[in-house]
Amino acid sequence: MDLRKTNAPVNTITYNKNIIEEPTGNVYEAITIMAKRANQINSEIKKELTEKLEEFATYNDSLEEVFENKEQIEVSKFYEKLPKPHALAVQEWLDGKIYHREGTK
């Protein structure tokens, strides 16, 4: 998933309930699907951020050697400015990018 090319809103917005529930016919089912996808997105982002920040990790226990790494700060700021995982999941749902199926069928 390319987080730079997403058009999900950064701020909270109100959605039309009818549009949200249209694919499933049930708003609660739609919200459950989006919540599961938001958890997946959050895990992906967390894993990616952890991998990038491990590059900057220092394994020295000295308290005197505290320094700021500009690259590390830029990476952190990038992830702070991203839309939240739930906003990304809702946008994917509205764009029809989330595959879902009923377990009973």
N, C-alpha and C. Protein backbone atom coordinates (compact mmCIF):
# COMPACT_ATOMS: atom_id res chain seq x y z
N MET A 1 0.84 -1.16 0.00
CA MET A 1 0.00 0.00 0.00
C MET A 1 0.90 1.24 0.00
N ASP A 2 0.65 2.15 -0.93
CA ASP A 2 1.42 3.37 -1.00
C ASP A 2 0.67 4.46 -0.25
N LEU A 3 1.20 4.83 0.89
CA LEU A 3 0.52 5.80 1.75
C LEU A 3 0.60 7.22 1.21
N ARG A 4 1.54 7.48 0.33
CA ARG A 4 1.67 8.83 -0.23
C ARG A 4 0.60 9.14 -1.27
N LYS A 5 0.05 8.12 -1.88
CA LYS A 5 -0.91 8.33 -2.95
C LYS A 5 -2.36 8.19 -2.51
N THR A 6 -2.60 8.13 -1.22
CA THR A 6 -3.95 7.98 -0.72
C THR A 6 -4.68 9.32 -0.73
N ASN A 7 -5.96 9.26 -0.95
CA ASN A 7 -6.77 10.48 -0.91
C ASN A 7 -7.73 10.47 0.28
N ALA A 8 -7.37 9.72 1.30
CA ALA A 8 -8.19 9.66 2.52
C ALA A 8 -8.03 10.97 3.28
N PRO A 9 -9.10 11.43 3.90
CA PRO A 9 -9.02 12.70 4.64
C PRO A 9 -8.20 12.55 5.92
N VAL A 10 -7.51 13.62 6.28
CA VAL A 10 -6.72 13.63 7.51
C VAL A 10 -7.62 13.97 8.69
N ASN A 11 -8.63 14.79 8.43
CA ASN A 11 -9.56 15.20 9.48
C ASN A 11 -10.80 14.32 9.46
N THR A 12 -11.56 14.36 10.53
CA THR A 12 -12.80 13.60 10.62
C THR A 12 -13.87 14.26 9.76
N ILE A 13 -14.55 13.44 8.98
CA ILE A 13 -15.66 13.97 8.17
C ILE A 13 -16.88 13.07 8.37
N THR A 14 -18.03 13.58 7.97
CA THR A 14 -19.28 12.84 8.09
C THR A 14 -19.56 12.15 6.76
N TYR A 15 -19.97 10.88 6.83
CA TYR A 15 -20.28 10.11 5.64
C TYR A 15 -21.77 9.85 5.58
N ASN A 16 -22.27 9.62 4.38
CA ASN A 16 -23.65 9.25 4.19
C ASN A 16 -23.81 7.76 4.55
N LYS A 17 -24.67 7.49 5.51
CA LYS A 17 -24.88 6.12 5.99
C LYS A 17 -25.32 5.19 4.86
N ASN A 18 -26.14 5.69 3.96
CA ASN A 18 -26.64 4.86 2.86
C ASN A 18 -25.53 4.42 1.93
N ILE A 19 -24.56 5.29 1.71
CA ILE A 19 -23.43 4.93 0.84
C ILE A 19 -22.54 3.90 1.54
N ILE A 20 -22.37 4.04 2.84
CA ILE A 20 -21.53 3.11 3.61
C ILE A 20 -22.13 1.71 3.60
N GLU A 21 -23.45 1.62 3.80
CA GLU A 21 -24.07 0.30 3.93
C GLU A 21 -24.48 -0.32 2.60
N GLU A 22 -24.35 0.41 1.52
CA GLU A 22 -24.80 -0.07 0.21
C GLU A 22 -24.23 -1.43 -0.21
N PRO A 23 -22.91 -1.68 -0.10
CA PRO A 23 -22.39 -2.98 -0.55
C PRO A 23 -22.90 -4.18 0.24
N THR A 24 -23.21 -3.98 1.53
CA THR A 24 -23.64 -5.11 2.35
C THR A 24 -25.12 -5.09 2.69
N GLY A 25 -25.72 -3.91 2.66
CA GLY A 25 -27.11 -3.79 3.06
C GLY A 25 -27.29 -3.67 4.56
N ASN A 26 -26.19 -3.66 5.30
CA ASN A 26 -26.25 -3.58 6.76
C ASN A 26 -25.09 -2.70 7.22
N VAL A 27 -25.41 -1.60 7.88
CA VAL A 27 -24.39 -0.65 8.29
C VAL A 27 -23.43 -1.26 9.31
N TYR A 28 -23.94 -2.12 10.19
CA TYR A 28 -23.08 -2.73 11.21
C TYR A 28 -22.08 -3.70 10.59
N GLU A 29 -22.53 -4.44 9.60
CA GLU A 29 -21.63 -5.35 8.91
C GLU A 29 -20.55 -4.56 8.17
N ALA A 30 -20.94 -3.46 7.53
CA ALA A 30 -19.98 -2.63 6.81
C ALA A 30 -18.95 -2.04 7.77
N ILE A 31 -19.40 -1.59 8.94
CA ILE A 31 -18.48 -1.02 9.92
C ILE A 31 -17.52 -2.09 10.44
N THR A 32 -18.02 -3.30 10.65
CA THR A 32 -17.16 -4.40 11.10
C THR A 32 -16.09 -4.71 10.08
N ILE A 33 -16.45 -4.73 8.81
CA ILE A 33 -15.48 -5.01 7.74
C ILE A 33 -14.43 -3.91 7.70
N MET A 34 -14.88 -2.65 7.78
CA MET A 34 -13.93 -1.54 7.76
C MET A 34 -13.02 -1.55 8.99
N ALA A 35 -13.56 -1.94 10.14
CA ALA A 35 -12.75 -2.00 11.37
C ALA A 35 -11.66 -3.07 11.24
N LYS A 36 -12.01 -4.20 10.66
CA LYS A 36 -11.01 -5.26 10.47
C LYS A 36 -9.91 -4.79 9.51
N ARG A 37 -10.31 -4.09 8.47
CA ARG A 37 -9.34 -3.57 7.51
C ARG A 37 -8.47 -2.49 8.17
N ALA A 38 -9.06 -1.66 9.03
CA ALA A 38 -8.29 -0.63 9.73
C ALA A 38 -7.24 -1.26 10.62
N ASN A 39 -7.57 -2.37 11.26
CA ASN A 39 -6.59 -3.10 12.08
C ASN A 39 -5.44 -3.63 11.23
N GLN A 40 -5.77 -4.14 10.03
CA GLN A 40 -4.73 -4.62 9.12
C GLN A 40 -3.81 -3.47 8.68
N ILE A 41 -4.42 -2.35 8.33
CA ILE A 41 -3.64 -1.18 7.89
C ILE A 41 -2.75 -0.71 9.03
N ASN A 42 -3.29 -0.65 10.24
CA ASN A 42 -2.51 -0.21 11.38
C ASN A 42 -1.31 -1.12 11.61
N SER A 43 -1.50 -2.42 11.48
CA SER A 43 -0.40 -3.37 11.65
C SER A 43 0.67 -3.15 10.58
N GLU A 44 0.25 -2.92 9.34
CA GLU A 44 1.20 -2.69 8.25
C GLU A 44 2.01 -1.42 8.50
N ILE A 45 1.33 -0.35 8.91
CA ILE A 45 2.01 0.92 9.15
C ILE A 45 2.98 0.78 10.32
N LYS A 46 2.54 0.11 11.37
CA LYS A 46 3.40 -0.07 12.55
C LYS A 46 4.64 -0.88 12.20
N LYS A 47 4.48 -1.93 11.43
CA LYS A 47 5.61 -2.76 11.02
C LYS A 47 6.59 -1.95 10.17
N GLU A 48 6.05 -1.19 9.22
CA GLU A 48 6.88 -0.38 8.34
C GLU A 48 7.64 0.69 9.12
N LEU A 49 6.96 1.35 10.05
CA LEU A 49 7.60 2.38 10.86
C LEU A 49 8.68 1.79 11.75
N THR A 50 8.41 0.65 12.34
CA THR A 50 9.40 0.00 13.20
C THR A 50 10.65 -0.37 12.42
N GLU A 51 10.46 -0.89 11.21
CA GLU A 51 11.61 -1.24 10.37
C GLU A 51 12.45 -0.02 10.02
N LYS A 52 11.77 1.10 9.71
CA LYS A 52 12.51 2.31 9.35
C LYS A 52 13.23 2.89 10.55
N LEU A 53 12.59 2.86 11.73
CA LEU A 53 13.22 3.43 12.91
C LEU A 53 14.34 2.56 13.46
N GLU A 54 14.34 1.26 13.15
CA GLU A 54 15.42 0.39 13.59
C GLU A 54 16.74 0.77 12.94
N GLU A 55 16.68 1.39 11.78
CA GLU A 55 17.89 1.85 11.11
C GLU A 55 18.62 2.91 11.95
N PHE A 56 17.86 3.67 12.74
CA PHE A 56 18.43 4.75 13.52
C PHE A 56 18.72 4.36 14.96
N ALA A 57 18.40 3.14 15.33
CA ALA A 57 18.55 2.71 16.71
C ALA A 57 20.01 2.66 17.11
N THR A 58 20.26 3.16 18.29
CA THR A 58 21.59 3.04 18.87
C THR A 58 21.47 2.13 20.08
N TYR A 59 22.40 1.24 20.19
CA TYR A 59 22.35 0.26 21.26
C TYR A 59 23.37 0.60 22.35
N ASN A 60 23.46 1.89 22.64
CA ASN A 60 24.37 2.36 23.67
C ASN A 60 23.53 2.86 24.84
N ASP A 61 23.82 2.42 26.03
CA ASP A 61 23.01 2.78 27.19
C ASP A 61 23.45 4.08 27.86
N SER A 62 24.34 4.78 27.27
CA SER A 62 24.82 6.01 27.87
C SER A 62 23.78 7.11 27.76
N LEU A 63 23.47 7.72 28.88
CA LEU A 63 22.49 8.81 28.89
C LEU A 63 23.09 10.11 28.37
N GLU A 64 24.39 10.19 28.36
CA GLU A 64 25.05 11.42 27.94
C GLU A 64 25.03 11.59 26.43
N GLU A 65 24.90 10.51 25.72
CA GLU A 65 24.97 10.57 24.26
C GLU A 65 23.57 10.60 23.64
N VAL A 66 22.86 11.66 23.90
CA VAL A 66 21.55 11.85 23.30
C VAL A 66 21.72 12.83 22.15
N PHE A 67 21.33 12.40 20.98
CA PHE A 67 21.46 13.28 19.83
C PHE A 67 20.21 13.13 18.96
N GLU A 68 19.97 14.15 18.18
CA GLU A 68 18.81 14.13 17.29
C GLU A 68 19.26 13.81 15.88
N ASN A 69 18.58 12.89 15.28
CA ASN A 69 18.87 12.51 13.92
C ASN A 69 17.77 13.12 13.04
N LYS A 70 18.15 14.01 12.14
CA LYS A 70 17.16 14.71 11.31
C LYS A 70 16.35 13.75 10.45
N GLU A 71 16.99 12.72 9.95
CA GLU A 71 16.27 11.75 9.12
C GLU A 71 15.21 11.02 9.94
N GLN A 72 15.56 10.67 11.16
CA GLN A 72 14.60 9.99 12.04
C GLN A 72 13.42 10.90 12.35
N ILE A 73 13.68 12.17 12.56
CA ILE A 73 12.61 13.13 12.83
C ILE A 73 11.70 13.27 11.62
N GLU A 74 12.28 13.31 10.42
CA GLU A 74 11.49 13.41 9.20
C GLU A 74 10.59 12.20 9.01
N VAL A 75 11.12 11.00 9.29
CA VAL A 75 10.34 9.78 9.17
C VAL A 75 9.17 9.81 10.16
N SER A 76 9.46 10.21 11.38
CA SER A 76 8.41 10.28 12.41
C SER A 76 7.34 11.29 12.03
N LYS A 77 7.74 12.45 11.54
CA LYS A 77 6.77 13.47 11.14
C LYS A 77 5.90 13.00 9.98
N PHE A 78 6.51 12.26 9.04
CA PHE A 78 5.74 11.73 7.91
C PHE A 78 4.62 10.83 8.40
N TYR A 79 4.94 9.93 9.32
CA TYR A 79 3.93 9.00 9.82
C TYR A 79 2.91 9.69 10.72
N GLU A 80 3.29 10.77 11.38
CA GLU A 80 2.33 11.52 12.19
C GLU A 80 1.31 12.24 11.33
N LYS A 81 1.71 12.66 10.13
CA LYS A 81 0.83 13.42 9.24
C LYS A 81 -0.09 12.54 8.40
N LEU A 82 0.14 11.24 8.43
CA LEU A 82 -0.70 10.33 7.63
C LEU A 82 -2.13 10.32 8.14
N PRO A 83 -3.09 10.01 7.25
CA PRO A 83 -4.45 9.78 7.74
C PRO A 83 -4.47 8.57 8.67
N LYS A 84 -5.39 8.58 9.59
CA LYS A 84 -5.51 7.48 10.54
C LYS A 84 -5.96 6.22 9.81
N PRO A 85 -5.63 5.04 10.35
CA PRO A 85 -6.00 3.77 9.69
C PRO A 85 -7.50 3.64 9.41
N HIS A 86 -8.35 4.16 10.30
CA HIS A 86 -9.78 4.04 10.05
C HIS A 86 -10.20 4.90 8.86
N ALA A 87 -9.56 6.05 8.68
CA ALA A 87 -9.88 6.90 7.52
C ALA A 87 -9.44 6.23 6.22
N LEU A 88 -8.28 5.56 6.27
CA LEU A 88 -7.81 4.84 5.09
C LEU A 88 -8.75 3.68 4.75
N ALA A 89 -9.23 2.98 5.79
CA ALA A 89 -10.14 1.85 5.58
C ALA A 89 -11.47 2.32 5.00
N VAL A 90 -11.99 3.42 5.50
CA VAL A 90 -13.26 3.95 4.98
C VAL A 90 -13.10 4.36 3.52
N GLN A 91 -11.98 5.00 3.21
CA GLN A 91 -11.74 5.41 1.82
C GLN A 91 -11.64 4.20 0.90
N GLU A 92 -10.95 3.15 1.35
CA GLU A 92 -10.87 1.92 0.56
C GLU A 92 -12.25 1.31 0.37
N TRP A 93 -13.08 1.34 1.41
CA TRP A 93 -14.44 0.80 1.34
C TRP A 93 -15.26 1.57 0.31
N LEU A 94 -15.17 2.90 0.35
CA LEU A 94 -15.94 3.73 -0.58
C LEU A 94 -15.44 3.56 -2.01
N ASP A 95 -14.16 3.30 -2.17
CA ASP A 95 -13.59 3.09 -3.51
C ASP A 95 -13.80 1.67 -4.02
N GLY A 96 -14.36 0.79 -3.18
CA GLY A 96 -14.61 -0.59 -3.58
C GLY A 96 -13.35 -1.45 -3.62
N LYS A 97 -12.35 -1.10 -2.83
CA LYS A 97 -11.08 -1.83 -2.84
C LYS A 97 -11.01 -2.92 -1.78
N ILE A 98 -12.03 -3.04 -0.94
CA ILE A 98 -12.02 -4.06 0.10
C ILE A 98 -12.87 -5.23 -0.36
N TYR A 99 -12.25 -6.39 -0.40
CA TYR A 99 -12.97 -7.61 -0.76
C TYR A 99 -13.58 -8.19 0.51
N HIS A 100 -14.86 -8.56 0.43
CA HIS A 100 -15.51 -9.17 1.59
C HIS A 100 -16.48 -10.23 1.07
N ARG A 101 -16.73 -11.21 1.94
CA ARG A 101 -17.71 -12.24 1.61
C ARG A 101 -18.34 -12.72 2.90
N GLU A 102 -19.52 -13.28 2.77
CA GLU A 102 -20.20 -13.82 3.94
C GLU A 102 -19.73 -15.24 4.16
N GLY A 103 -19.49 -15.59 5.40
CA GLY A 103 -19.00 -16.92 5.72
C GLY A 103 -20.05 -18.00 5.55
N THR A 104 -21.33 -17.62 5.56
CA THR A 104 -22.39 -18.62 5.46
C THR A 104 -22.69 -19.02 4.03
N LYS A 105 -22.28 -18.20 3.07
CA LYS A 105 -22.61 -18.48 1.68
C LYS A 105 -21.48 -19.19 0.98
